[in-house]
N, C-alpha and C. Protein backbone atom coordinates (compact mmCIF):
# COMPACT_ATOMS: atom_id res chain seq x y z
N UNK A 1 -7.45 -62.63 61.83
CA UNK A 1 -8.29 -62.44 61.39
C UNK A 1 -7.89 -63.89 60.66
N UNK A 2 -9.38 -64.35 60.23
CA UNK A 2 -9.32 -65.82 59.24
C UNK A 2 -9.99 -65.54 57.78
N UNK A 3 -8.61 -65.18 56.53
CA UNK A 3 -9.55 -65.11 55.14
C UNK A 3 -10.55 -65.32 55.11
N UNK A 4 -11.71 -64.24 54.41
CA UNK A 4 -12.05 -64.31 54.27
C UNK A 4 -12.74 -65.53 53.07
N UNK A 5 -13.92 -65.49 52.59
CA UNK A 5 -13.75 -67.39 51.66
C UNK A 5 -15.41 -66.18 50.43
N UNK A 6 -14.74 -65.77 49.58
CA UNK A 6 -16.09 -65.88 48.42
C UNK A 6 -15.51 -64.55 48.01
N UNK A 7 -16.67 -63.53 47.22
CA UNK A 7 -16.03 -62.30 47.10
C UNK A 7 -16.18 -61.68 47.66
N UNK A 8 -15.67 -60.45 47.68
CA UNK A 8 -15.50 -59.63 48.69
C UNK A 8 -17.10 -58.70 49.03
N UNK A 9 -17.45 -57.76 49.90
CA UNK A 9 -19.26 -57.26 50.40
C UNK A 9 -19.57 -56.44 48.91
N UNK A 10 -20.47 -56.03 48.69
CA UNK A 10 -20.77 -55.49 47.37
C UNK A 10 -20.56 -53.96 48.62
N UNK A 11 -20.21 -53.49 49.43
CA UNK A 11 -19.81 -51.72 49.78
C UNK A 11 -19.22 -51.75 49.01
N UNK A 12 -18.04 -52.97 49.39
CA UNK A 12 -16.29 -52.51 48.83
C UNK A 12 -16.52 -52.50 46.88
N UNK A 13 -17.17 -53.36 46.92
CA UNK A 13 -17.09 -52.72 45.36
C UNK A 13 -18.04 -51.43 44.98
N UNK A 14 -19.43 -51.30 45.45
CA UNK A 14 -20.20 -50.38 45.12
C UNK A 14 -18.34 -48.77 45.98
N UNK A 15 -18.32 -49.13 46.54
CA UNK A 15 -16.63 -48.03 46.97
C UNK A 15 -16.20 -47.73 46.27
N UNK A 16 -15.24 -49.21 45.78
CA UNK A 16 -14.63 -49.10 44.37
C UNK A 16 -14.86 -48.83 43.20
N UNK A 17 -15.79 -49.02 42.38
CA UNK A 17 -16.36 -48.16 41.04
C UNK A 17 -16.72 -46.93 41.04
N UNK A 18 -17.17 -46.26 43.01
CA UNK A 18 -17.58 -44.72 43.12
C UNK A 18 -15.88 -44.26 43.11
N UNK A 19 -15.12 -44.71 43.42
CA UNK A 19 -13.33 -44.15 43.71
C UNK A 19 -12.75 -43.90 43.40
N UNK A 20 -13.04 -45.18 41.45
CA UNK A 20 -12.75 -44.82 40.44
C UNK A 20 -12.93 -44.01 39.79
N UNK A 21 -14.66 -44.30 39.28
CA UNK A 21 -15.20 -43.18 38.64
C UNK A 21 -14.79 -41.61 39.11
N UNK A 22 -14.59 -40.91 40.68
CA UNK A 22 -14.27 -40.10 40.83
C UNK A 22 -12.99 -39.54 39.99
N UNK A 23 -11.96 -40.11 40.33
CA UNK A 23 -10.64 -40.32 40.28
C UNK A 23 -10.50 -39.60 38.32
N UNK A 24 -11.32 -40.99 37.36
CA UNK A 24 -11.51 -40.69 36.03
C UNK A 24 -11.83 -39.43 36.16
N UNK A 25 -13.10 -38.58 36.75
CA UNK A 25 -13.78 -37.41 36.71
C UNK A 25 -13.10 -36.59 36.69
N UNK A 26 -12.21 -36.19 37.83
CA UNK A 26 -11.22 -35.61 37.95
C UNK A 26 -9.80 -35.56 36.67
N UNK A 27 -9.41 -36.47 36.82
CA UNK A 27 -8.78 -36.25 35.27
C UNK A 27 -9.06 -35.80 34.36
N UNK A 28 -10.10 -35.56 33.55
CA UNK A 28 -11.11 -35.28 32.40
C UNK A 28 -10.91 -33.79 32.33
N UNK A 29 -11.47 -33.36 34.27
CA UNK A 29 -11.65 -31.70 34.00
C UNK A 29 -10.37 -31.73 34.69
N UNK A 30 -9.33 -31.93 34.68
CA UNK A 30 -7.69 -31.12 35.02
C UNK A 30 -7.52 -30.97 33.00
N UNK A 31 -7.56 -31.95 32.70
CA UNK A 31 -7.34 -32.22 31.56
C UNK A 31 -7.78 -31.02 30.39
N UNK A 32 -9.16 -30.76 30.45
CA UNK A 32 -9.78 -29.85 30.14
C UNK A 32 -9.43 -28.81 30.33
N UNK A 33 -9.59 -28.46 31.55
CA UNK A 33 -8.66 -27.52 32.05
C UNK A 33 -6.96 -27.04 31.91
N UNK A 34 -7.21 -27.41 31.81
CA UNK A 34 -5.54 -27.37 31.07
C UNK A 34 -5.84 -27.20 29.56
N UNK A 35 -6.35 -28.16 28.32
CA UNK A 35 -6.58 -27.10 27.58
C UNK A 35 -7.19 -25.98 27.27
N UNK A 36 -7.87 -25.68 28.05
CA UNK A 36 -8.78 -24.62 27.95
C UNK A 36 -7.68 -23.60 28.11
N UNK A 37 -6.82 -23.37 29.43
CA UNK A 37 -6.05 -22.27 29.97
C UNK A 37 -4.52 -21.96 28.49
N UNK A 38 -4.08 -23.64 27.82
CA UNK A 38 -3.19 -23.25 26.42
C UNK A 38 -3.70 -22.99 25.48
N UNK A 39 -4.92 -22.82 24.78
CA UNK A 39 -5.57 -21.79 23.76
C UNK A 39 -5.69 -20.24 24.54
N UNK A 40 -5.81 -19.94 25.71
CA UNK A 40 -5.94 -18.35 26.07
C UNK A 40 -4.59 -17.83 26.20
N UNK A 41 -3.97 -18.56 26.28
CA UNK A 41 -2.30 -18.75 26.17
C UNK A 41 -2.33 -18.62 24.37
N UNK A 42 -2.45 -19.26 24.15
CA UNK A 42 -2.10 -19.16 22.66
C UNK A 42 -2.42 -18.03 22.21
N UNK A 43 -3.93 -17.16 22.47
CA UNK A 43 -4.56 -16.05 21.88
C UNK A 43 -4.08 -15.39 21.89
N UNK A 44 -3.59 -15.17 24.01
CA UNK A 44 -2.59 -13.40 23.92
C UNK A 44 -1.24 -13.47 23.10
N UNK A 45 -0.30 -14.88 23.37
CA UNK A 45 0.43 -14.71 22.40
C UNK A 45 0.63 -14.19 20.99
N UNK A 46 -0.85 -14.53 20.11
CA UNK A 46 -0.87 -13.82 18.63
C UNK A 46 -1.01 -12.30 18.33
N UNK A 47 -1.37 -11.86 19.40
CA UNK A 47 -1.54 -10.52 19.37
C UNK A 47 -0.47 -9.68 19.00
N UNK A 48 -0.61 -9.28 18.19
CA UNK A 48 0.36 -8.71 17.89
C UNK A 48 1.16 -6.97 18.50
N UNK A 49 2.39 -6.74 19.15
CA UNK A 49 2.90 -5.99 19.93
C UNK A 49 2.15 -4.23 19.61
N UNK A 50 2.42 -3.41 20.40
CA UNK A 50 1.86 -1.99 19.68
C UNK A 50 3.09 -1.55 19.63
N UNK A 51 1.82 -0.71 18.37
CA UNK A 51 4.01 0.29 17.68
C UNK A 51 4.70 0.65 18.73
N UNK A 52 3.74 1.71 19.45
CA UNK A 52 4.50 2.35 20.81
C UNK A 52 5.83 1.12 21.67
N UNK A 53 5.77 -0.14 21.66
CA UNK A 53 6.32 -0.43 22.30
C UNK A 53 7.60 -1.25 21.70
N UNK A 54 7.06 -1.56 20.61
CA UNK A 54 8.52 -1.74 19.11
C UNK A 54 9.37 -0.91 19.26
N UNK A 55 10.41 -1.03 19.12
CA UNK A 55 11.70 -0.12 18.73
C UNK A 55 11.56 0.24 17.08
N UNK A 56 11.79 1.40 16.90
CA UNK A 56 11.37 1.53 15.55
C UNK A 56 13.02 0.85 14.03
N UNK A 57 11.96 1.36 13.23
CA UNK A 57 13.35 0.07 12.31
C UNK A 57 14.60 0.63 11.86
N UNK A 58 15.01 2.00 12.47
CA UNK A 58 15.89 3.25 12.19
C UNK A 58 17.08 3.32 14.03
N UNK A 59 16.65 1.96 14.95
CA UNK A 59 16.84 2.03 16.38
C UNK A 59 18.58 1.96 16.36
N UNK A 60 19.11 1.90 14.71
CA UNK A 60 20.35 1.52 15.19
C UNK A 60 21.22 3.28 14.15
N UNK A 61 20.64 3.97 13.62
CA UNK A 61 20.57 5.64 13.88
C UNK A 61 20.49 5.95 14.65
N UNK A 62 19.48 5.83 15.88
CA UNK A 62 19.33 6.12 16.67
C UNK A 62 20.43 6.16 17.84
N UNK A 63 20.22 5.22 17.75
CA UNK A 63 21.15 4.84 19.48
C UNK A 63 22.64 5.36 18.70
N UNK A 64 23.19 4.98 17.17
CA UNK A 64 24.32 6.25 16.79
C UNK A 64 24.24 7.60 17.43
N UNK A 65 22.73 8.18 16.92
CA UNK A 65 22.69 10.12 17.17
C UNK A 65 22.66 10.43 19.23
N UNK A 66 22.55 9.31 19.85
CA UNK A 66 22.04 9.43 21.16
C UNK A 66 23.20 9.60 22.14
N UNK A 67 24.34 8.97 21.69
CA UNK A 67 25.96 8.38 20.95
C UNK A 67 26.43 9.47 21.00
N UNK A 68 26.37 10.54 20.24
CA UNK A 68 26.77 11.72 19.20
C UNK A 68 27.02 12.46 20.08
N UNK A 69 24.84 12.89 20.46
CA UNK A 69 24.61 13.58 21.57
C UNK A 69 25.41 14.10 22.39
N UNK A 70 25.00 12.69 23.48
CA UNK A 70 26.34 12.45 25.03
C UNK A 70 27.66 12.99 25.32
N UNK A 71 27.77 12.21 23.94
CA UNK A 71 29.49 12.86 23.83
C UNK A 71 29.69 14.65 23.27
N UNK A 72 28.66 15.27 22.33
CA UNK A 72 28.94 17.24 22.14
C UNK A 72 28.29 17.43 23.91
N UNK A 73 27.03 16.56 24.53
CA UNK A 73 26.68 17.42 25.52
C UNK A 73 28.31 17.39 26.96
N UNK A 74 28.95 16.15 26.91
CA UNK A 74 30.37 16.28 27.67
C UNK A 74 31.01 16.87 27.05
N UNK A 75 31.78 17.22 25.98
CA UNK A 75 32.53 18.42 25.62
C UNK A 75 31.73 20.14 25.35
N UNK A 76 30.79 19.82 25.95
CA UNK A 76 30.45 21.61 26.23
C UNK A 76 30.68 21.54 27.66
N UNK A 77 30.59 20.85 28.73
CA UNK A 77 30.23 20.75 29.79
C UNK A 77 31.84 20.46 30.18
N UNK A 78 32.84 19.89 29.99
CA UNK A 78 34.53 19.54 29.55
C UNK A 78 34.85 21.51 29.70
N UNK A 79 34.08 21.69 28.33
CA UNK A 79 34.41 23.22 27.58
C UNK A 79 34.16 24.49 29.31
N UNK A 80 33.29 23.86 29.32
CA UNK A 80 32.48 25.37 30.69
C UNK A 80 33.65 25.28 31.26
N UNK A 81 33.68 24.27 32.49
CA UNK A 81 34.39 23.42 33.79
C UNK A 81 35.81 24.05 33.06
N UNK A 82 36.81 24.26 31.58
CA UNK A 82 37.99 24.15 31.96
C UNK A 82 37.98 26.35 31.57
N UNK A 83 37.17 26.78 31.27
CA UNK A 83 37.66 28.62 31.38
C UNK A 83 36.94 28.77 32.73
N UNK A 84 36.30 28.09 33.79
CA UNK A 84 35.60 29.46 34.81
C UNK A 84 36.77 28.81 35.75
N UNK A 85 37.21 29.36 36.89
CA UNK A 85 38.72 29.48 38.04
C UNK A 85 38.03 28.52 38.53
């Protein structure tokens, strides 16, 4: 095929322009959608946790109390096991 002389046909220029605009619009749309989703994620992250989900301010004491409770329960079970034949 021989090389063409002169400018490309008008149809090729129109198609090239159309595809360029489509790609640019898709990029802008994707960017806007991404920003909107980031705003929604930030809004969800800012909401405070419910008091029931958060541990109490005295959680170390509660943990020690629970450990002591388990120890005393274990001692009782062992004592009962030793007295029975």
